[in-house]
Amino acid sequence: MTIIAIDPGAKGGLAVRFYGATNAFALPETDGDRLELLRDLKASADVEGEAVVVVLEKVSGFVGKRQPGSAMFNFGQGYGFLVGCIMALQMRLVLVTPQTWQKYFQLGKGSECASQSAWKNKLKAEAQRRNPTLKVTHATADALLICDWASAHPDLIK
């Protein structure tokens, strides 16, 4: 099974686990490039006869601090575009809340850290520890951890 894990934030990322190997990318900036990346990953899995599941972080309209309505609209529009691409490409979609996947790693909660930056650094360090051969960035850390969570829970993603 090919697992594609997506952190859909503006500075989010995508991780893919295919035949036991993992790779990660910052999400492309344009919708067209995001669709092309998903289409390419699906085509690679199809060639190998692999089933594909996309694990997308389920987000709400609130992203930690007050945002103008236009920012929330753009965020929701980008999230909806990803869901639409996944459905159009006929890939299985599993939604997971940040609370669910973060709890698995037993790192505590973001609210327990001195700052949002400290929490992000903690998540990045865990992603790097689990994926020592990859160059983990803030853009790819959450996606890699979502991918690791999904791999550890095959019963929840099938």
N, C-alpha and C. Protein backbone atom coordinates (compact mmCIF):
# COMPACT_ATOMS: atom_id res chain seq x y z
N MET A 1 0.84 -1.18 0.00
CA MET A 1 0.00 0.00 0.00
C MET A 1 0.89 1.25 0.00
N THR A 2 0.51 2.21 -0.79
CA THR A 2 1.18 3.50 -0.81
C THR A 2 0.41 4.44 0.11
N ILE A 3 1.12 5.08 1.03
CA ILE A 3 0.51 6.05 1.94
C ILE A 3 1.01 7.43 1.55
N ILE A 4 0.09 8.32 1.31
CA ILE A 4 0.40 9.74 1.08
C ILE A 4 -0.18 10.49 2.26
N ALA A 5 0.66 11.21 2.98
CA ALA A 5 0.21 11.98 4.15
C ALA A 5 0.38 13.46 3.84
N ILE A 6 -0.64 14.24 4.14
CA ILE A 6 -0.62 15.66 3.79
C ILE A 6 -0.95 16.53 4.99
N ASP A 7 -0.06 17.49 5.24
CA ASP A 7 -0.32 18.61 6.15
C ASP A 7 -0.74 19.75 5.22
N PRO A 8 -2.03 20.13 5.22
CA PRO A 8 -2.53 21.05 4.20
C PRO A 8 -2.28 22.54 4.45
N GLY A 9 -1.53 22.89 5.46
CA GLY A 9 -1.31 24.29 5.77
C GLY A 9 -0.60 25.04 4.65
N ALA A 10 -0.62 26.36 4.74
CA ALA A 10 0.03 27.20 3.73
C ALA A 10 1.51 26.86 3.59
N LYS A 11 2.13 26.48 4.68
CA LYS A 11 3.53 26.06 4.66
C LYS A 11 3.62 24.58 5.00
N GLY A 12 2.64 23.82 4.49
CA GLY A 12 2.54 22.40 4.79
C GLY A 12 3.39 21.55 3.88
N GLY A 13 3.21 20.26 4.03
CA GLY A 13 4.02 19.33 3.27
C GLY A 13 3.28 18.05 2.96
N LEU A 14 3.96 17.20 2.23
CA LEU A 14 3.43 15.91 1.82
C LEU A 14 4.52 14.87 2.02
N ALA A 15 4.16 13.75 2.58
CA ALA A 15 5.08 12.62 2.72
C ALA A 15 4.45 11.44 2.03
N VAL A 16 5.28 10.61 1.42
CA VAL A 16 4.79 9.41 0.75
C VAL A 16 5.64 8.22 1.16
N ARG A 17 4.96 7.13 1.49
CA ARG A 17 5.65 5.87 1.82
C ARG A 17 5.22 4.86 0.78
N PHE A 18 6.20 4.40 0.00
CA PHE A 18 5.97 3.52 -1.13
C PHE A 18 7.00 2.41 -1.06
N TYR A 19 6.54 1.18 -0.91
CA TYR A 19 7.44 0.03 -0.77
C TYR A 19 8.44 0.21 0.36
N GLY A 20 8.00 0.76 1.47
CA GLY A 20 8.85 0.90 2.64
C GLY A 20 9.77 2.10 2.64
N ALA A 21 9.91 2.77 1.51
CA ALA A 21 10.76 3.96 1.42
C ALA A 21 9.88 5.20 1.60
N THR A 22 10.39 6.18 2.31
CA THR A 22 9.64 7.40 2.57
C THR A 22 10.35 8.59 1.94
N ASN A 23 9.56 9.49 1.39
CA ASN A 23 10.08 10.74 0.86
C ASN A 23 9.12 11.85 1.29
N ALA A 24 9.61 13.08 1.29
CA ALA A 24 8.77 14.21 1.72
C ALA A 24 9.07 15.43 0.87
N PHE A 25 8.04 16.23 0.69
CA PHE A 25 8.11 17.45 -0.12
C PHE A 25 7.35 18.56 0.58
N ALA A 26 7.80 19.78 0.42
CA ALA A 26 6.96 20.92 0.78
C ALA A 26 5.81 20.93 -0.22
N LEU A 27 4.62 21.28 0.22
CA LEU A 27 3.50 21.35 -0.73
C LEU A 27 3.79 22.42 -1.77
N PRO A 28 3.59 22.09 -3.03
CA PRO A 28 3.77 23.11 -4.06
C PRO A 28 2.85 24.30 -3.81
N GLU A 29 3.27 25.45 -4.29
CA GLU A 29 2.51 26.68 -4.00
C GLU A 29 1.23 26.82 -4.82
N THR A 30 1.21 26.28 -6.03
CA THR A 30 0.04 26.48 -6.87
C THR A 30 -0.85 25.24 -6.88
N ASP A 31 -2.14 25.46 -7.11
CA ASP A 31 -3.08 24.35 -7.19
C ASP A 31 -2.70 23.39 -8.30
N GLY A 32 -2.31 23.92 -9.44
CA GLY A 32 -1.93 23.08 -10.56
C GLY A 32 -0.75 22.17 -10.22
N ASP A 33 0.23 22.71 -9.52
CA ASP A 33 1.39 21.90 -9.13
C ASP A 33 1.03 20.87 -8.07
N ARG A 34 0.09 21.21 -7.20
CA ARG A 34 -0.37 20.24 -6.19
C ARG A 34 -1.08 19.07 -6.87
N LEU A 35 -1.95 19.39 -7.83
CA LEU A 35 -2.65 18.35 -8.58
C LEU A 35 -1.64 17.48 -9.33
N GLU A 36 -0.67 18.10 -9.98
CA GLU A 36 0.33 17.34 -10.74
C GLU A 36 1.13 16.39 -9.83
N LEU A 37 1.51 16.85 -8.64
CA LEU A 37 2.25 15.99 -7.71
C LEU A 37 1.39 14.79 -7.30
N LEU A 38 0.13 15.03 -6.94
CA LEU A 38 -0.75 13.93 -6.55
C LEU A 38 -0.99 12.97 -7.72
N ARG A 39 -1.16 13.52 -8.91
CA ARG A 39 -1.37 12.68 -10.09
C ARG A 39 -0.14 11.81 -10.35
N ASP A 40 1.06 12.38 -10.22
CA ASP A 40 2.29 11.62 -10.44
C ASP A 40 2.46 10.51 -9.40
N LEU A 41 2.17 10.81 -8.14
CA LEU A 41 2.29 9.80 -7.10
C LEU A 41 1.29 8.66 -7.33
N LYS A 42 0.07 9.01 -7.71
CA LYS A 42 -0.95 7.99 -8.01
C LYS A 42 -0.53 7.14 -9.19
N ALA A 43 0.01 7.76 -10.24
CA ALA A 43 0.45 7.01 -11.42
C ALA A 43 1.57 6.04 -11.08
N SER A 44 2.50 6.45 -10.25
CA SER A 44 3.59 5.57 -9.83
C SER A 44 3.06 4.36 -9.08
N ALA A 45 2.11 4.59 -8.19
CA ALA A 45 1.52 3.49 -7.44
C ALA A 45 0.73 2.57 -8.37
N ASP A 46 0.01 3.14 -9.32
CA ASP A 46 -0.78 2.35 -10.26
C ASP A 46 0.11 1.43 -11.09
N VAL A 47 1.25 1.91 -11.53
CA VAL A 47 2.18 1.11 -12.33
C VAL A 47 2.61 -0.13 -11.55
N GLU A 48 2.79 0.03 -10.25
CA GLU A 48 3.22 -1.08 -9.40
C GLU A 48 2.04 -1.89 -8.85
N GLY A 49 0.82 -1.50 -9.19
CA GLY A 49 -0.35 -2.21 -8.70
C GLY A 49 -0.63 -1.98 -7.22
N GLU A 50 -0.15 -0.88 -6.71
CA GLU A 50 -0.30 -0.54 -5.30
C GLU A 50 -1.60 0.21 -5.05
N ALA A 51 -2.30 -0.15 -3.99
CA ALA A 51 -3.44 0.65 -3.53
C ALA A 51 -2.88 1.93 -2.91
N VAL A 52 -3.62 3.01 -3.03
CA VAL A 52 -3.19 4.30 -2.50
C VAL A 52 -4.20 4.78 -1.47
N VAL A 53 -3.69 5.21 -0.32
CA VAL A 53 -4.53 5.87 0.67
C VAL A 53 -3.89 7.21 0.98
N VAL A 54 -4.71 8.24 1.01
CA VAL A 54 -4.23 9.58 1.37
C VAL A 54 -4.75 9.90 2.76
N VAL A 55 -3.83 10.21 3.65
CA VAL A 55 -4.19 10.59 5.01
C VAL A 55 -3.99 12.10 5.10
N LEU A 56 -5.08 12.80 5.20
CA LEU A 56 -5.09 14.26 5.20
C LEU A 56 -5.42 14.76 6.60
N GLU A 57 -4.62 15.70 7.07
CA GLU A 57 -4.91 16.28 8.38
C GLU A 57 -6.24 17.02 8.30
N LYS A 58 -7.15 16.63 9.18
CA LYS A 58 -8.47 17.27 9.24
C LYS A 58 -8.34 18.56 10.03
N VAL A 59 -8.63 19.63 9.38
CA VAL A 59 -8.46 20.94 10.00
C VAL A 59 -9.80 21.62 10.20
N SER A 60 -9.80 22.55 11.13
CA SER A 60 -10.99 23.36 11.36
C SER A 60 -10.73 24.75 10.80
N GLY A 61 -11.66 25.63 10.96
CA GLY A 61 -11.50 26.99 10.48
C GLY A 61 -10.63 27.85 11.37
N PHE A 62 -10.13 27.27 12.46
CA PHE A 62 -9.33 28.04 13.41
C PHE A 62 -7.92 27.50 13.39
N VAL A 63 -6.92 28.38 13.21
CA VAL A 63 -5.54 27.92 13.11
C VAL A 63 -4.65 28.52 14.19
N GLY A 64 -5.13 28.55 15.41
CA GLY A 64 -4.29 28.92 16.54
C GLY A 64 -4.34 30.37 16.96
N LYS A 65 -4.64 31.27 16.07
CA LYS A 65 -4.75 32.68 16.44
C LYS A 65 -5.76 33.35 15.51
N ARG A 66 -6.19 34.53 15.90
CA ARG A 66 -7.15 35.25 15.08
C ARG A 66 -6.60 35.49 13.69
N GLN A 67 -7.42 35.22 12.69
CA GLN A 67 -7.05 35.42 11.30
C GLN A 67 -8.14 36.25 10.63
N PRO A 68 -7.76 37.05 9.66
CA PRO A 68 -8.80 37.75 8.90
C PRO A 68 -9.63 36.74 8.11
N GLY A 69 -10.86 37.12 7.83
CA GLY A 69 -11.75 36.24 7.08
C GLY A 69 -11.17 35.80 5.75
N SER A 70 -10.45 36.69 5.08
CA SER A 70 -9.87 36.33 3.77
C SER A 70 -8.83 35.22 3.91
N ALA A 71 -8.06 35.23 5.00
CA ALA A 71 -7.05 34.19 5.22
C ALA A 71 -7.74 32.85 5.46
N MET A 72 -8.80 32.86 6.25
CA MET A 72 -9.52 31.62 6.53
C MET A 72 -10.18 31.09 5.26
N PHE A 73 -10.71 32.00 4.44
CA PHE A 73 -11.32 31.58 3.17
C PHE A 73 -10.28 30.92 2.28
N ASN A 74 -9.12 31.53 2.16
CA ASN A 74 -8.05 30.97 1.32
C ASN A 74 -7.59 29.61 1.84
N PHE A 75 -7.47 29.49 3.16
CA PHE A 75 -7.07 28.21 3.75
C PHE A 75 -8.10 27.14 3.43
N GLY A 76 -9.37 27.45 3.65
CA GLY A 76 -10.44 26.49 3.37
C GLY A 76 -10.52 26.14 1.90
N GLN A 77 -10.28 27.12 1.05
CA GLN A 77 -10.31 26.87 -0.39
C GLN A 77 -9.19 25.89 -0.78
N GLY A 78 -8.01 26.08 -0.23
CA GLY A 78 -6.89 25.18 -0.51
C GLY A 78 -7.14 23.77 0.00
N TYR A 79 -7.72 23.67 1.20
CA TYR A 79 -8.07 22.37 1.78
C TYR A 79 -9.10 21.66 0.90
N GLY A 80 -10.12 22.39 0.52
CA GLY A 80 -11.16 21.81 -0.33
C GLY A 80 -10.61 21.38 -1.69
N PHE A 81 -9.66 22.15 -2.22
CA PHE A 81 -9.04 21.77 -3.49
C PHE A 81 -8.33 20.44 -3.36
N LEU A 82 -7.59 20.25 -2.27
CA LEU A 82 -6.90 18.97 -2.06
C LEU A 82 -7.89 17.82 -1.95
N VAL A 83 -8.96 18.00 -1.21
CA VAL A 83 -9.98 16.95 -1.09
C VAL A 83 -10.55 16.62 -2.46
N GLY A 84 -10.84 17.65 -3.24
CA GLY A 84 -11.38 17.44 -4.58
C GLY A 84 -10.40 16.69 -5.49
N CYS A 85 -9.13 17.02 -5.42
CA CYS A 85 -8.12 16.33 -6.22
C CYS A 85 -8.06 14.85 -5.83
N ILE A 86 -8.05 14.59 -4.55
CA ILE A 86 -7.96 13.21 -4.05
C ILE A 86 -9.16 12.40 -4.53
N MET A 87 -10.33 13.00 -4.45
CA MET A 87 -11.54 12.30 -4.90
C MET A 87 -11.53 12.11 -6.41
N ALA A 88 -11.14 13.13 -7.16
CA ALA A 88 -11.12 13.04 -8.62
C ALA A 88 -10.11 11.99 -9.10
N LEU A 89 -9.02 11.84 -8.37
CA LEU A 89 -8.01 10.84 -8.73
C LEU A 89 -8.37 9.45 -8.19
N GLN A 90 -9.52 9.35 -7.55
CA GLN A 90 -10.06 8.10 -7.02
C GLN A 90 -9.10 7.41 -6.04
N MET A 91 -8.55 8.23 -5.15
CA MET A 91 -7.70 7.70 -4.09
C MET A 91 -8.53 7.66 -2.81
N ARG A 92 -8.28 6.66 -1.99
CA ARG A 92 -8.99 6.56 -0.71
C ARG A 92 -8.52 7.70 0.20
N LEU A 93 -9.47 8.35 0.85
CA LEU A 93 -9.17 9.49 1.72
C LEU A 93 -9.51 9.14 3.17
N VAL A 94 -8.53 9.36 4.04
CA VAL A 94 -8.73 9.20 5.48
C VAL A 94 -8.37 10.53 6.12
N LEU A 95 -9.25 11.05 6.95
CA LEU A 95 -8.99 12.30 7.66
C LEU A 95 -8.56 11.97 9.08
N VAL A 96 -7.55 12.69 9.56
CA VAL A 96 -7.07 12.49 10.93
C VAL A 96 -6.87 13.86 11.57
N THR A 97 -7.37 14.03 12.77
CA THR A 97 -7.20 15.31 13.46
C THR A 97 -5.78 15.43 13.99
N PRO A 98 -5.29 16.65 14.15
CA PRO A 98 -3.96 16.82 14.73
C PRO A 98 -3.87 16.18 16.12
N GLN A 99 -4.94 16.29 16.90
CA GLN A 99 -4.93 15.73 18.25
C GLN A 99 -4.71 14.22 18.21
N THR A 100 -5.31 13.55 17.24
CA THR A 100 -5.20 12.09 17.14
C THR A 100 -3.78 11.66 16.80
N TRP A 101 -3.22 12.24 15.71
CA TRP A 101 -1.88 11.77 15.33
C TRP A 101 -0.81 12.25 16.31
N GLN A 102 -0.98 13.44 16.88
CA GLN A 102 0.03 13.94 17.82
C GLN A 102 0.04 13.13 19.12
N LYS A 103 -1.12 12.68 19.56
CA LYS A 103 -1.20 11.89 20.80
C LYS A 103 -0.38 10.61 20.68
N TYR A 104 -0.35 10.01 19.50
CA TYR A 104 0.39 8.76 19.28
C TYR A 104 1.88 8.90 19.63
N PHE A 105 2.45 10.06 19.40
CA PHE A 105 3.90 10.25 19.61
C PHE A 105 4.25 10.60 21.05
N GLN A 106 3.27 10.83 21.89
CA GLN A 106 3.47 11.11 23.31
C GLN A 106 4.48 12.23 23.56
N LEU A 107 4.32 13.32 22.84
CA LEU A 107 5.20 14.48 22.99
C LEU A 107 4.58 15.57 23.84
N GLY A 108 3.41 15.31 24.37
CA GLY A 108 2.70 16.35 25.10
C GLY A 108 1.81 17.12 24.15
N LYS A 109 1.49 18.33 24.53
CA LYS A 109 0.61 19.18 23.73
C LYS A 109 1.32 20.49 23.41
N GLY A 110 0.92 21.09 22.32
CA GLY A 110 1.50 22.36 21.93
C GLY A 110 1.31 23.42 22.99
N SER A 111 0.19 23.37 23.69
CA SER A 111 -0.10 24.37 24.72
C SER A 111 0.85 24.26 25.91
N GLU A 112 1.53 23.13 26.04
CA GLU A 112 2.48 22.94 27.13
C GLU A 112 3.86 23.51 26.81
N CYS A 113 4.07 23.89 25.57
CA CYS A 113 5.37 24.45 25.17
C CYS A 113 5.38 25.96 25.39
N ALA A 114 6.56 26.50 25.51
CA ALA A 114 6.71 27.94 25.77
C ALA A 114 6.18 28.79 24.62
N SER A 115 6.22 28.24 23.40
CA SER A 115 5.75 28.98 22.24
C SER A 115 5.36 28.01 21.13
N GLN A 116 4.67 28.53 20.14
CA GLN A 116 4.31 27.73 18.97
C GLN A 116 5.57 27.26 18.25
N SER A 117 6.57 28.11 18.22
CA SER A 117 7.85 27.76 17.59
C SER A 117 8.52 26.59 18.31
N ALA A 118 8.47 26.60 19.64
CA ALA A 118 9.05 25.50 20.42
C ALA A 118 8.33 24.19 20.12
N TRP A 119 7.00 24.24 19.98
CA TRP A 119 6.22 23.05 19.66
C TRP A 119 6.59 22.53 18.27
N LYS A 120 6.67 23.43 17.30
CA LYS A 120 7.02 23.03 15.94
C LYS A 120 8.42 22.41 15.90
N ASN A 121 9.34 22.97 16.67
CA ASN A 121 10.69 22.41 16.73
C ASN A 121 10.68 21.02 17.36
N LYS A 122 9.82 20.80 18.33
CA LYS A 122 9.70 19.50 18.98
C LYS A 122 9.18 18.45 17.98
N LEU A 123 8.16 18.84 17.20
CA LEU A 123 7.63 17.94 16.18
C LEU A 123 8.67 17.65 15.10
N LYS A 124 9.39 18.68 14.70
CA LYS A 124 10.43 18.50 13.68
C LYS A 124 11.52 17.56 14.18
N ALA A 125 11.93 17.70 15.42
CA ALA A 125 12.96 16.83 16.00
C ALA A 125 12.49 15.37 16.02
N GLU A 126 11.22 15.14 16.35
CA GLU A 126 10.69 13.78 16.36
C GLU A 126 10.64 13.20 14.94
N ALA A 127 10.23 14.02 13.99
CA ALA A 127 10.20 13.56 12.60
C ALA A 127 11.60 13.21 12.12
N GLN A 128 12.58 14.01 12.49
CA GLN A 128 13.96 13.75 12.09
C GLN A 128 14.49 12.48 12.76
N ARG A 129 14.15 12.28 14.03
CA ARG A 129 14.58 11.08 14.74
C ARG A 129 14.02 9.82 14.07
N ARG A 130 12.78 9.90 13.62
CA ARG A 130 12.12 8.75 13.00
C ARG A 130 12.53 8.56 11.54
N ASN A 131 13.05 9.60 10.91
CA ASN A 131 13.41 9.54 9.49
C ASN A 131 14.83 10.10 9.32
N PRO A 132 15.82 9.41 9.88
CA PRO A 132 17.18 9.96 9.92
C PRO A 132 17.84 10.16 8.56
N THR A 133 17.37 9.49 7.53
CA THR A 133 17.99 9.63 6.21
C THR A 133 17.41 10.79 5.40
N LEU A 134 16.36 11.41 5.91
CA LEU A 134 15.71 12.51 5.18
C LEU A 134 16.13 13.85 5.76
N LYS A 135 16.06 14.88 4.94
CA LYS A 135 16.25 16.25 5.40
C LYS A 135 14.87 16.76 5.80
N VAL A 136 14.59 16.75 7.08
CA VAL A 136 13.28 17.17 7.59
C VAL A 136 13.28 18.69 7.75
N THR A 137 12.22 19.32 7.28
CA THR A 137 12.04 20.77 7.43
C THR A 137 10.75 21.01 8.20
N HIS A 138 10.52 22.25 8.59
CA HIS A 138 9.25 22.57 9.23
C HIS A 138 8.08 22.28 8.29
N ALA A 139 8.30 22.45 6.98
CA ALA A 139 7.23 22.19 6.01
C ALA A 139 6.88 20.71 5.94
N THR A 140 7.86 19.82 6.11
CA THR A 140 7.61 18.39 5.92
C THR A 140 7.42 17.62 7.22
N ALA A 141 7.76 18.19 8.36
CA ALA A 141 7.75 17.45 9.63
C ALA A 141 6.38 16.85 9.96
N ASP A 142 5.33 17.66 9.91
CA ASP A 142 4.00 17.15 10.27
C ASP A 142 3.56 16.05 9.31
N ALA A 143 3.80 16.24 8.01
CA ALA A 143 3.41 15.23 7.03
C ALA A 143 4.15 13.91 7.29
N LEU A 144 5.42 13.98 7.63
CA LEU A 144 6.17 12.77 7.95
C LEU A 144 5.61 12.08 9.19
N LEU A 145 5.24 12.85 10.19
CA LEU A 145 4.67 12.25 11.40
C LEU A 145 3.28 11.66 11.13
N ILE A 146 2.50 12.32 10.31
CA ILE A 146 1.19 11.77 9.93
C ILE A 146 1.39 10.45 9.18
N CYS A 147 2.39 10.40 8.32
CA CYS A 147 2.71 9.17 7.59
C CYS A 147 3.13 8.06 8.54
N ASP A 148 3.96 8.40 9.53
CA ASP A 148 4.38 7.41 10.53
C ASP A 148 3.18 6.93 11.35
N TRP A 149 2.29 7.85 11.72
CA TRP A 149 1.08 7.48 12.45
C TRP A 149 0.25 6.50 11.62
N ALA A 150 0.05 6.84 10.33
CA ALA A 150 -0.76 5.99 9.45
C ALA A 150 -0.14 4.60 9.29
N SER A 151 1.17 4.54 9.16
CA SER A 151 1.85 3.25 9.01
C SER A 151 1.68 2.38 10.26
N ALA A 152 1.60 3.02 11.41
CA ALA A 152 1.44 2.29 12.66
C ALA A 152 -0.01 1.89 12.93
N HIS A 153 -0.94 2.39 12.11
CA HIS A 153 -2.37 2.12 12.30
C HIS A 153 -3.02 1.63 11.01
N PRO A 154 -2.53 0.53 10.44
CA PRO A 154 -3.08 0.06 9.17
C PRO A 154 -4.58 -0.26 9.26
N ASP A 155 -5.05 -0.66 10.42
CA ASP A 155 -6.46 -0.96 10.60
C ASP A 155 -7.34 0.27 10.46
N LEU A 156 -6.79 1.46 10.73
CA LEU A 156 -7.57 2.69 10.65
C LEU A 156 -7.57 3.30 9.25
N ILE A 157 -6.63 2.88 8.42
CA ILE A 157 -6.53 3.50 7.09
C ILE A 157 -6.97 2.60 5.96
N LYS A 158 -7.34 1.35 6.28
CA LYS A 158 -7.80 0.45 5.20
C LYS A 158 -9.28 0.58 4.97
